[in-house]
Amino acid sequence: MPYLFYCTDGEGAQQLRQDHMQAHLAYVEGILERMCVAGPLRDAPGSPVSGSCFIFATESRDEALRLLQGDPYYQAGVFAEVSGHHLAAVAGEWVGGKLW
């Protein structure tokens, strides 16, 4: 089941992202089979990163949250706010059209 986590950066996040980027990318590479999609959030293309979005493929929200908590960005305090939800992916190109 997909679980979406919307993470908003906190104060000082830009420097923390720089400091922990290599560890973050290595972590993501290690759990790719558990991710549907992930990436940085920006207000517009080319603007500074303001957060991250992760969609994990797990059996439970707790399992997805553990994956997020294992990320070096999470551990370093990059994110000021985290919102996690089950995602009912029912329409769109990524799900192959519509499921109704």
PDB file of N, CA and C in Angstrom:
ATOM      1  N   MET A   1       0.829  -1.171   0.000  1.00  0.00           N
ATOM      2  CA  MET A   1       0.000   0.000   0.000  1.00  0.00           C
ATOM      3  C   MET A   1       0.880   1.243   0.000  1.00  0.00           C
ATOM      4  N   PRO A   2       0.504   2.256  -0.731  1.00  0.00           N
ATOM      5  CA  PRO A   2       1.307   3.482  -0.720  1.00  0.00           C
ATOM      6  C   PRO A   2       0.968   4.388   0.461  1.00  0.00           C
ATOM      7  N   TYR A   3       2.023   4.915   1.068  1.00  0.00           N
ATOM      8  CA  TYR A   3       1.907   5.897   2.143  1.00  0.00           C
ATOM      9  C   TYR A   3       2.715   7.116   1.759  1.00  0.00           C
ATOM     10  N   LEU A   4       2.059   8.275   1.780  1.00  0.00           N
ATOM     11  CA  LEU A   4       2.671   9.534   1.384  1.00  0.00           C
ATOM     12  C   LEU A   4       3.081  10.323   2.617  1.00  0.00           C
ATOM     13  N   PHE A   5       4.317  10.830   2.595  1.00  0.00           N
ATOM     14  CA  PHE A   5       4.800  11.713   3.653  1.00  0.00           C
ATOM     15  C   PHE A   5       5.210  13.035   3.017  1.00  0.00           C
ATOM     16  N   TYR A   6       4.598  14.114   3.520  1.00  0.00           N
ATOM     17  CA  TYR A   6       4.873  15.475   3.074  1.00  0.00           C
ATOM     18  C   TYR A   6       5.669  16.128   4.192  1.00  0.00           C
ATOM     19  N   CYS A   7       6.901  16.504   3.882  1.00  0.00           N
ATOM     20  CA  CYS A   7       7.817  17.021   4.900  1.00  0.00           C
ATOM     21  C   CYS A   7       8.192  18.460   4.561  1.00  0.00           C
ATOM     22  N   THR A   8       7.978  19.361   5.529  1.00  0.00           N
ATOM     23  CA  THR A   8       8.292  20.769   5.353  1.00  0.00           C
ATOM     24  C   THR A   8       9.597  21.078   6.070  1.00  0.00           C
ATOM     25  N   ASP A   9      10.499  21.749   5.378  1.00  0.00           N
ATOM     26  CA  ASP A   9      11.797  22.082   5.957  1.00  0.00           C
ATOM     27  C   ASP A   9      11.670  23.075   7.098  1.00  0.00           C
ATOM     28  N   GLY A  10      12.593  22.954   8.045  1.00  0.00           N
ATOM     29  CA  GLY A  10      12.672  23.878   9.162  1.00  0.00           C
ATOM     30  C   GLY A  10      13.783  24.895   8.951  1.00  0.00           C
ATOM     31  N   GLU A  11      13.971  25.717   9.950  1.00  0.00           N
ATOM     32  CA  GLU A  11      15.021  26.729   9.912  1.00  0.00           C
ATOM     33  C   GLU A  11      16.388  26.047   9.835  1.00  0.00           C
ATOM     34  N   GLY A  12      17.232  26.561   8.970  1.00  0.00           N
ATOM     35  CA  GLY A  12      18.570  25.997   8.801  1.00  0.00           C
ATOM     36  C   GLY A  12      18.615  24.753   7.932  1.00  0.00           C
ATOM     37  N   ALA A  13      17.493  24.408   7.317  1.00  0.00           N
ATOM     38  CA  ALA A  13      17.417  23.166   6.544  1.00  0.00           C
ATOM     39  C   ALA A  13      18.343  23.158   5.337  1.00  0.00           C
ATOM     40  N   GLN A  14      18.535  24.308   4.696  1.00  0.00           N
ATOM     41  CA  GLN A  14      19.384  24.331   3.496  1.00  0.00           C
ATOM     42  C   GLN A  14      20.795  23.839   3.827  1.00  0.00           C
ATOM     43  N   GLN A  15      21.349  24.312   4.932  1.00  0.00           N
ATOM     44  CA  GLN A  15      22.691  23.879   5.328  1.00  0.00           C
ATOM     45  C   GLN A  15      22.690  22.411   5.752  1.00  0.00           C
ATOM     46  N   LEU A  16      21.659  22.005   6.486  1.00  0.00           N
ATOM     47  CA  LEU A  16      21.563  20.597   6.886  1.00  0.00           C
ATOM     48  C   LEU A  16      21.462  19.684   5.676  1.00  0.00           C
ATOM     49  N   ARG A  17      20.707  20.114   4.660  1.00  0.00           N
ATOM     50  CA  ARG A  17      20.614  19.324   3.430  1.00  0.00           C
ATOM     51  C   ARG A  17      21.994  19.163   2.790  1.00  0.00           C
ATOM     52  N   GLN A  18      22.735  20.248   2.717  1.00  0.00           N
ATOM     53  CA  GLN A  18      24.095  20.183   2.144  1.00  0.00           C
ATOM     54  C   GLN A  18      24.971  19.232   2.949  1.00  0.00           C
ATOM     55  N   ASP A  19      24.917  19.368   4.261  1.00  0.00           N
ATOM     56  CA  ASP A  19      25.780  18.576   5.138  1.00  0.00           C
ATOM     57  C   ASP A  19      25.483  17.083   5.074  1.00  0.00           C
ATOM     58  N   HIS A  20      24.228  16.716   4.825  1.00  0.00           N
ATOM     59  CA  HIS A  20      23.815  15.310   4.902  1.00  0.00           C
ATOM     60  C   HIS A  20      23.364  14.728   3.566  1.00  0.00           C
ATOM     61  N   MET A  21      23.594  15.459   2.471  1.00  0.00           N
ATOM     62  CA  MET A  21      23.084  15.018   1.169  1.00  0.00           C
ATOM     63  C   MET A  21      23.624  13.654   0.743  1.00  0.00           C
ATOM     64  N   GLN A  22      24.914  13.437   0.863  1.00  0.00           N
ATOM     65  CA  GLN A  22      25.482  12.167   0.403  1.00  0.00           C
ATOM     66  C   GLN A  22      24.921  10.990   1.198  1.00  0.00           C
ATOM     67  N   ALA A  23      24.795  11.151   2.511  1.00  0.00           N
ATOM     68  CA  ALA A  23      24.217  10.084   3.333  1.00  0.00           C
ATOM     69  C   ALA A  23      22.748   9.867   2.988  1.00  0.00           C
ATOM     70  N   HIS A  24      22.025  10.954   2.741  1.00  0.00           N
ATOM     71  CA  HIS A  24      20.610  10.856   2.351  1.00  0.00           C
ATOM     72  C   HIS A  24      20.474  10.088   1.035  1.00  0.00           C
ATOM     73  N   LEU A  25      21.261  10.463   0.038  1.00  0.00           N
ATOM     74  CA  LEU A  25      21.170   9.793  -1.266  1.00  0.00           C
ATOM     75  C   LEU A  25      21.550   8.324  -1.164  1.00  0.00           C
ATOM     76  N   ALA A  26      22.556   8.001  -0.371  1.00  0.00           N
ATOM     77  CA  ALA A  26      22.943   6.600  -0.174  1.00  0.00           C
ATOM     78  C   ALA A  26      21.808   5.826   0.497  1.00  0.00           C
ATOM     79  N   TYR A  27      21.152   6.457   1.466  1.00  0.00           N
ATOM     80  CA  TYR A  27      20.031   5.805   2.138  1.00  0.00           C
ATOM     81  C   TYR A  27      18.902   5.540   1.149  1.00  0.00           C
ATOM     82  N   VAL A  28      18.561   6.546   0.353  1.00  0.00           N
ATOM     83  CA  VAL A  28      17.490   6.388  -0.640  1.00  0.00           C
ATOM     84  C   VAL A  28      17.835   5.253  -1.605  1.00  0.00           C
ATOM     85  N   GLU A  29      19.069   5.203  -2.074  1.00  0.00           N
ATOM     86  CA  GLU A  29      19.468   4.122  -2.979  1.00  0.00           C
ATOM     87  C   GLU A  29      19.300   2.755  -2.326  1.00  0.00           C
ATOM     88  N   GLY A  30      19.484   2.684  -1.023  1.00  0.00           N
ATOM     89  CA  GLY A  30      19.358   1.422  -0.308  1.00  0.00           C
ATOM     90  C   GLY A  30      17.932   0.957  -0.091  1.00  0.00           C
ATOM     91  N   ILE A  31      16.963   1.858  -0.243  1.00  0.00           N
ATOM     92  CA  ILE A  31      15.555   1.476  -0.034  1.00  0.00           C
ATOM     93  C   ILE A  31      14.698   1.722  -1.272  1.00  0.00           C
ATOM     94  N   LEU A  32      15.320   1.832  -2.426  1.00  0.00           N
ATOM     95  CA  LEU A  32      14.566   2.134  -3.658  1.00  0.00           C
ATOM     96  C   LEU A  32      13.407   1.180  -3.904  1.00  0.00           C
ATOM     97  N   GLU A  33      13.581  -0.088  -3.557  1.00  0.00           N
ATOM     98  CA  GLU A  33      12.524  -1.064  -3.808  1.00  0.00           C
ATOM     99  C   GLU A  33      11.307  -0.820  -2.919  1.00  0.00           C
ATOM    100  N   ARG A  34      11.437   0.012  -1.909  1.00  0.00           N
ATOM    101  CA  ARG A  34      10.338   0.329  -0.995  1.00  0.00           C
ATOM    102  C   ARG A  34       9.682   1.670  -1.330  1.00  0.00           C
ATOM    103  N   MET A  35      10.198   2.366  -2.354  1.00  0.00           N
ATOM    104  CA  MET A  35       9.696   3.703  -2.699  1.00  0.00           C
ATOM    105  C   MET A  35       8.939   3.671  -4.022  1.00  0.00           C
ATOM    106  N   CYS A  36       7.808   4.380  -4.045  1.00  0.00           N
ATOM    107  CA  CYS A  36       7.098   4.592  -5.305  1.00  0.00           C
ATOM    108  C   CYS A  36       7.696   5.795  -6.022  1.00  0.00           C
ATOM    109  N   VAL A  37       7.904   6.855  -5.260  1.00  0.00           N
ATOM    110  CA  VAL A  37       8.494   8.084  -5.785  1.00  0.00           C
ATOM    111  C   VAL A  37       8.916   8.947  -4.597  1.00  0.00           C
ATOM    112  N   ALA A  38       9.920   9.765  -4.809  1.00  0.00           N
ATOM    113  CA  ALA A  38      10.367  10.697  -3.769  1.00  0.00           C
ATOM    114  C   ALA A  38      11.094  11.849  -4.443  1.00  0.00           C
ATOM    115  N   GLY A  39      11.106  12.987  -3.772  1.00  0.00           N
ATOM    116  CA  GLY A  39      11.848  14.106  -4.322  1.00  0.00           C
ATOM    117  C   GLY A  39      11.658  15.376  -3.524  1.00  0.00           C
ATOM    118  N   PRO A  40      12.500  16.367  -3.829  1.00  0.00           N
ATOM    119  CA  PRO A  40      12.412  17.642  -3.129  1.00  0.00           C
ATOM    120  C   PRO A  40      11.217  18.460  -3.608  1.00  0.00           C
ATOM    121  N   LEU A  41      10.737  19.324  -2.718  1.00  0.00           N
ATOM    122  CA  LEU A  41       9.647  20.239  -3.037  1.00  0.00           C
ATOM    123  C   LEU A  41      10.202  21.645  -3.170  1.00  0.00           C
ATOM    124  N   ARG A  42       9.694  22.380  -4.153  1.00  0.00           N
ATOM    125  CA  ARG A  42      10.105  23.768  -4.392  1.00  0.00           C
ATOM    126  C   ARG A  42       8.856  24.586  -4.694  1.00  0.00           C
ATOM    127  N   ASP A  43       8.924  25.882  -4.418  1.00  0.00           N
ATOM    128  CA  ASP A  43       7.799  26.755  -4.753  1.00  0.00           C
ATOM    129  C   ASP A  43       7.669  26.949  -6.258  1.00  0.00           C
ATOM    130  N   ALA A  44       8.793  26.867  -6.971  1.00  0.00           N
ATOM    131  CA  ALA A  44       8.830  26.973  -8.432  1.00  0.00           C
ATOM    132  C   ALA A  44      10.120  26.315  -8.905  1.00  0.00           C
ATOM    133  N   PRO A  45      10.177  25.864 -10.162  1.00  0.00           N
ATOM    134  CA  PRO A  45      11.416  25.273 -10.665  1.00  0.00           C
ATOM    135  C   PRO A  45      12.601  26.221 -10.453  1.00  0.00           C
ATOM    136  N   GLY A  46      13.672  25.681  -9.899  1.00  0.00           N
ATOM    137  CA  GLY A  46      14.870  26.468  -9.671  1.00  0.00           C
ATOM    138  C   GLY A  46      14.905  27.227  -8.358  1.00  0.00           C
ATOM    139  N   SER A  47      13.775  27.290  -7.653  1.00  0.00           N
ATOM    140  CA  SER A  47      13.766  27.989  -6.366  1.00  0.00           C
ATOM    141  C   SER A  47      14.329  27.052  -5.291  1.00  0.00           C
ATOM    142  N   PRO A  48      14.665  27.599  -4.124  1.00  0.00           N
ATOM    143  CA  PRO A  48      15.234  26.759  -3.062  1.00  0.00           C
ATOM    144  C   PRO A  48      14.288  25.638  -2.645  1.00  0.00           C
ATOM    145  N   VAL A  49      14.852  24.550  -2.201  1.00  0.00           N
ATOM    146  CA  VAL A  49      14.067  23.425  -1.705  1.00  0.00           C
ATOM    147  C   VAL A  49      13.372  23.848  -0.413  1.00  0.00           C
ATOM    148  N   SER A  50      12.086  23.513  -0.309  1.00  0.00           N
ATOM    149  CA  SER A  50      11.311  23.880   0.880  1.00  0.00           C
ATOM    150  C   SER A  50      10.768  22.665   1.625  1.00  0.00           C
ATOM    151  N   GLY A  51      11.068  21.470   1.117  1.00  0.00           N
ATOM    152  CA  GLY A  51      10.592  20.257   1.768  1.00  0.00           C
ATOM    153  C   GLY A  51      10.855  19.047   0.902  1.00  0.00           C
ATOM    154  N   SER A  52      10.255  17.937   1.279  1.00  0.00           N
ATOM    155  CA  SER A  52      10.408  16.685   0.538  1.00  0.00           C
ATOM    156  C   SER A  52       9.095  15.923   0.553  1.00  0.00           C
ATOM    157  N   CYS A  53       8.903  15.118  -0.482  1.00  0.00           N
ATOM    158  CA  CYS A  53       7.754  14.230  -0.566  1.00  0.00           C
ATOM    159  C   CYS A  53       8.279  12.808  -0.767  1.00  0.00           C
ATOM    160  N   PHE A  54       7.734  11.888   0.010  1.00  0.00           N
ATOM    161  CA  PHE A  54       8.092  10.476  -0.114  1.00  0.00           C
ATOM    162  C   PHE A  54       6.802   9.683  -0.231  1.00  0.00           C
ATOM    163  N   ILE A  55       6.754   8.751  -1.176  1.00  0.00           N
ATOM    164  CA  ILE A  55       5.654   7.795  -1.232  1.00  0.00           C
ATOM    165  C   ILE A  55       6.285   6.417  -1.136  1.00  0.00           C
ATOM    166  N   PHE A  56       6.026   5.756  -0.004  1.00  0.00           N
ATOM    167  CA  PHE A  56       6.593   4.439   0.269  1.00  0.00           C
ATOM    168  C   PHE A  56       5.589   3.347  -0.056  1.00  0.00           C
ATOM    169  N   ALA A  57       6.082   2.213  -0.516  1.00  0.00           N
ATOM    170  CA  ALA A  57       5.258   1.033  -0.758  1.00  0.00           C
ATOM    171  C   ALA A  57       5.480   0.076   0.413  1.00  0.00           C
ATOM    172  N   THR A  58       4.592   0.148   1.404  1.00  0.00           N
ATOM    173  CA  THR A  58       4.719  -0.682   2.596  1.00  0.00           C
ATOM    174  C   THR A  58       3.362  -1.257   2.981  1.00  0.00           C
ATOM    175  N   GLU A  59       3.373  -2.171   3.914  1.00  0.00           N
ATOM    176  CA  GLU A  59       2.127  -2.791   4.376  1.00  0.00           C
ATOM    177  C   GLU A  59       1.421  -1.960   5.439  1.00  0.00           C
ATOM    178  N   SER A  60       2.149  -1.027   6.073  1.00  0.00           N
ATOM    179  CA  SER A  60       1.528  -0.229   7.123  1.00  0.00           C
ATOM    180  C   SER A  60       2.147   1.165   7.173  1.00  0.00           C
ATOM    181  N   ARG A  61       1.403   2.089   7.793  1.00  0.00           N
ATOM    182  CA  ARG A  61       1.910   3.443   7.991  1.00  0.00           C
ATOM    183  C   ARG A  61       3.119   3.412   8.913  1.00  0.00           C
ATOM    184  N   ASP A  62       3.078   2.581   9.949  1.00  0.00           N
ATOM    185  CA  ASP A  62       4.214   2.488  10.879  1.00  0.00           C
ATOM    186  C   ASP A  62       5.493   2.068  10.166  1.00  0.00           C
ATOM    187  N   GLU A  63       5.371   1.119   9.259  1.00  0.00           N
ATOM    188  CA  GLU A  63       6.531   0.665   8.489  1.00  0.00           C
ATOM    189  C   GLU A  63       7.061   1.797   7.601  1.00  0.00           C
ATOM    190  N   ALA A  64       6.164   2.529   6.967  1.00  0.00           N
ATOM    191  CA  ALA A  64       6.582   3.661   6.135  1.00  0.00           C
ATOM    192  C   ALA A  64       7.244   4.738   6.996  1.00  0.00           C
ATOM    193  N   LEU A  65       6.680   4.999   8.162  1.00  0.00           N
ATOM    194  CA  LEU A  65       7.258   5.994   9.062  1.00  0.00           C
ATOM    195  C   LEU A  65       8.660   5.581   9.507  1.00  0.00           C
ATOM    196  N   ARG A  66       8.865   4.305   9.768  1.00  0.00           N
ATOM    197  CA  ARG A  66      10.215   3.829  10.133  1.00  0.00           C
ATOM    198  C   ARG A  66      11.209   4.081   9.003  1.00  0.00           C
ATOM    199  N   LEU A  67      10.775   3.887   7.756  1.00  0.00           N
ATOM    200  CA  LEU A  67      11.661   4.173   6.621  1.00  0.00           C
ATOM    201  C   LEU A  67      12.012   5.655   6.589  1.00  0.00           C
ATOM    202  N   LEU A  68      11.028   6.512   6.785  1.00  0.00           N
ATOM    203  CA  LEU A  68      11.290   7.945   6.806  1.00  0.00           C
ATOM    204  C   LEU A  68      12.235   8.298   7.953  1.00  0.00           C
ATOM    205  N   GLN A  69      11.989   7.749   9.124  1.00  0.00           N
ATOM    206  CA  GLN A  69      12.814   8.056  10.294  1.00  0.00           C
ATOM    207  C   GLN A  69      14.254   7.563  10.149  1.00  0.00           C
ATOM    208  N   GLY A  70      14.479   6.602   9.260  1.00  0.00           N
ATOM    209  CA  GLY A  70      15.834   6.120   9.001  1.00  0.00           C
ATOM    210  C   GLY A  70      16.631   7.025   8.075  1.00  0.00           C
ATOM    211  N   ASP A  71      15.955   7.976   7.438  1.00  0.00           N
ATOM    212  CA  ASP A  71      16.616   8.877   6.490  1.00  0.00           C
ATOM    213  C   ASP A  71      17.514   9.863   7.239  1.00  0.00           C
ATOM    214  N   PRO A  72      18.756  10.035   6.792  1.00  0.00           N
ATOM    215  CA  PRO A  72      19.650  11.006   7.436  1.00  0.00           C
ATOM    216  C   PRO A  72      19.090  12.427   7.485  1.00  0.00           C
ATOM    217  N   TYR A  73      18.295  12.832   6.521  1.00  0.00           N
ATOM    218  CA  TYR A  73      17.670  14.155   6.591  1.00  0.00           C
ATOM    219  C   TYR A  73      16.727  14.234   7.792  1.00  0.00           C
ATOM    220  N   TYR A  74      15.936  13.211   7.988  1.00  0.00           N
ATOM    221  CA  TYR A  74      15.020  13.182   9.131  1.00  0.00           C
ATOM    222  C   TYR A  74      15.815  13.215  10.429  1.00  0.00           C
ATOM    223  N   GLN A  75      16.827  12.379  10.511  1.00  0.00           N
ATOM    224  CA  GLN A  75      17.631  12.274  11.727  1.00  0.00           C
ATOM    225  C   GLN A  75      18.391  13.562  12.034  1.00  0.00           C
ATOM    226  N   ALA A  76      18.761  14.313  11.004  1.00  0.00           N
ATOM    227  CA  ALA A  76      19.509  15.568  11.198  1.00  0.00           C
ATOM    228  C   ALA A  76      18.594  16.746  11.535  1.00  0.00           C
ATOM    229  N   GLY A  77      17.284  16.549  11.465  1.00  0.00           N
ATOM    230  CA  GLY A  77      16.363  17.625  11.798  1.00  0.00           C
ATOM    231  C   GLY A  77      16.052  18.566  10.654  1.00  0.00           C
ATOM    232  N   VAL A  78      16.198  18.096   9.418  1.00  0.00           N
ATOM    233  CA  VAL A  78      15.871  18.929   8.256  1.00  0.00           C
ATOM    234  C   VAL A  78      14.399  19.315   8.267  1.00  0.00           C
ATOM    235  N   PHE A  79      13.534  18.397   8.662  1.00  0.00           N
ATOM    236  CA  PHE A  79      12.098  18.618   8.555  1.00  0.00           C
ATOM    237  C   PHE A  79      11.508  19.174   9.851  1.00  0.00           C
ATOM    238  N   ALA A  80      10.798  20.291   9.737  1.00  0.00           N
ATOM    239  CA  ALA A  80      10.117  20.892  10.887  1.00  0.00           C
ATOM    240  C   ALA A  80       8.752  20.246  11.092  1.00  0.00           C
ATOM    241  N   GLU A  81       8.105  19.868   9.997  1.00  0.00           N
ATOM    242  CA  GLU A  81       6.775  19.251  10.052  1.00  0.00           C
ATOM    243  C   GLU A  81       6.724  18.069   9.105  1.00  0.00           C
ATOM    244  N   VAL A  82       6.059  17.011   9.555  1.00  0.00           N
ATOM    245  CA  VAL A  82       5.882  15.813   8.743  1.00  0.00           C
ATOM    246  C   VAL A  82       4.418  15.407   8.831  1.00  0.00           C
ATOM    247  N   SER A  83       3.818  15.192   7.671  1.00  0.00           N
ATOM    248  CA  SER A  83       2.435  14.735   7.606  1.00  0.00           C
ATOM    249  C   SER A  83       2.411  13.440   6.806  1.00  0.00           C
ATOM    250  N   GLY A  84       1.855  12.373   7.375  1.00  0.00           N
ATOM    251  CA  GLY A  84       1.831  11.079   6.694  1.00  0.00           C
ATOM    252  C   GLY A  84       0.430  10.539   6.544  1.00  0.00           C
ATOM    253  N   HIS A  85       0.157   9.984   5.378  1.00  0.00           N
ATOM    254  CA  HIS A  85      -1.196   9.516   5.065  1.00  0.00           C
ATOM    255  C   HIS A  85      -1.138   8.300   4.150  1.00  0.00           C
ATOM    256  N   HIS A  86      -2.143   7.436   4.272  1.00  0.00           N
ATOM    257  CA  HIS A  86      -2.331   6.393   3.269  1.00  0.00           C
ATOM    258  C   HIS A  86      -2.777   7.075   1.985  1.00  0.00           C
ATOM    259  N   LEU A  87      -2.222   6.673   0.865  1.00  0.00           N
ATOM    260  CA  LEU A  87      -2.577   7.251  -0.426  1.00  0.00           C
ATOM    261  C   LEU A  87      -3.356   6.221  -1.235  1.00  0.00           C
ATOM    262  N   ALA A  88      -4.602   6.515  -1.527  1.00  0.00           N
ATOM    263  CA  ALA A  88      -5.413   5.652  -2.377  1.00  0.00           C
ATOM    264  C   ALA A  88      -5.192   6.091  -3.819  1.00  0.00           C
ATOM    265  N   ALA A  89      -4.180   5.543  -4.454  1.00  0.00           N
ATOM    266  CA  ALA A  89      -3.843   5.906  -5.837  1.00  0.00           C
ATOM    267  C   ALA A  89      -4.849   5.236  -6.773  1.00  0.00           C
ATOM    268  N   VAL A  90      -5.804   6.019  -7.280  1.00  0.00           N
ATOM    269  CA  VAL A  90      -6.878   5.432  -8.085  1.00  0.00           C
ATOM    270  C   VAL A  90      -6.970   5.982  -9.505  1.00  0.00           C
ATOM    271  N   ALA A  91      -6.209   7.029  -9.821  1.00  0.00           N
ATOM    272  CA  ALA A  91      -6.289   7.577 -11.171  1.00  0.00           C
ATOM    273  C   ALA A  91      -4.978   8.260 -11.522  1.00  0.00           C
ATOM    274  N   GLY A  92      -4.648   8.208 -12.799  1.00  0.00           N
ATOM    275  CA  GLY A  92      -3.470   8.897 -13.292  1.00  0.00           C
ATOM    276  C   GLY A  92      -2.562   7.987 -14.089  1.00  0.00           C
ATOM    277  N   GLU A  93      -1.610   8.608 -14.715  1.00  0.00           N
ATOM    278  CA  GLU A  93      -0.659   7.880 -15.557  1.00  0.00           C
ATOM    279  C   GLU A  93       0.108   6.818 -14.771  1.00  0.00           C
ATOM    280  N   TRP A  94       0.485   7.152 -13.530  1.00  0.00           N
ATOM    281  CA  TRP A  94       1.286   6.216 -12.730  1.00  0.00           C
ATOM    282  C   TRP A  94       0.527   4.963 -12.339  1.00  0.00           C
ATOM    283  N   VAL A  95      -0.809   5.046 -12.274  1.00  0.00           N
ATOM    284  CA  VAL A  95      -1.593   3.854 -11.937  1.00  0.00           C
ATOM    285  C   VAL A  95      -2.207   3.223 -13.189  1.00  0.00           C
ATOM    286  N   GLY A  96      -1.836   3.719 -14.343  1.00  0.00           N
ATOM    287  CA  GLY A  96      -2.291   3.129 -15.595  1.00  0.00           C
ATOM    288  C   GLY A  96      -3.702   3.538 -15.990  1.00  0.00           C
ATOM    289  N   GLY A  97      -4.117   4.721 -15.624  1.00  0.00           N
ATOM    290  CA  GLY A  97      -5.458   5.203 -15.990  1.00  0.00           C
ATOM    291  C   GLY A  97      -6.308   5.417 -14.766  1.00  0.00           C
ATOM    292  N   LYS A  98      -7.414   4.652 -14.676  1.00  0.00           N
ATOM    293  CA  LYS A  98      -8.317   4.773 -13.532  1.00  0.00           C
ATOM    294  C   LYS A  98      -8.659   3.385 -13.019  1.00  0.00           C
ATOM    295  N   LEU A  99      -8.992   3.333 -11.750  1.00  0.00           N
ATOM    296  CA  LEU A  99      -9.300   2.028 -11.127  1.00  0.00           C
ATOM    297  C   LEU A  99     -10.777   1.868 -10.811  1.00  0.00           C
ATOM    298  N   TRP A 100     -11.643   2.619 -11.487  1.00  0.00           N
ATOM    299  CA  TRP A 100     -13.083   2.431 -11.287  1.00  0.00           C
ATOM    300  C   TRP A 100     -13.734   2.073 -12.591  1.00  0.00           C
TER     301      TRP A 100
END
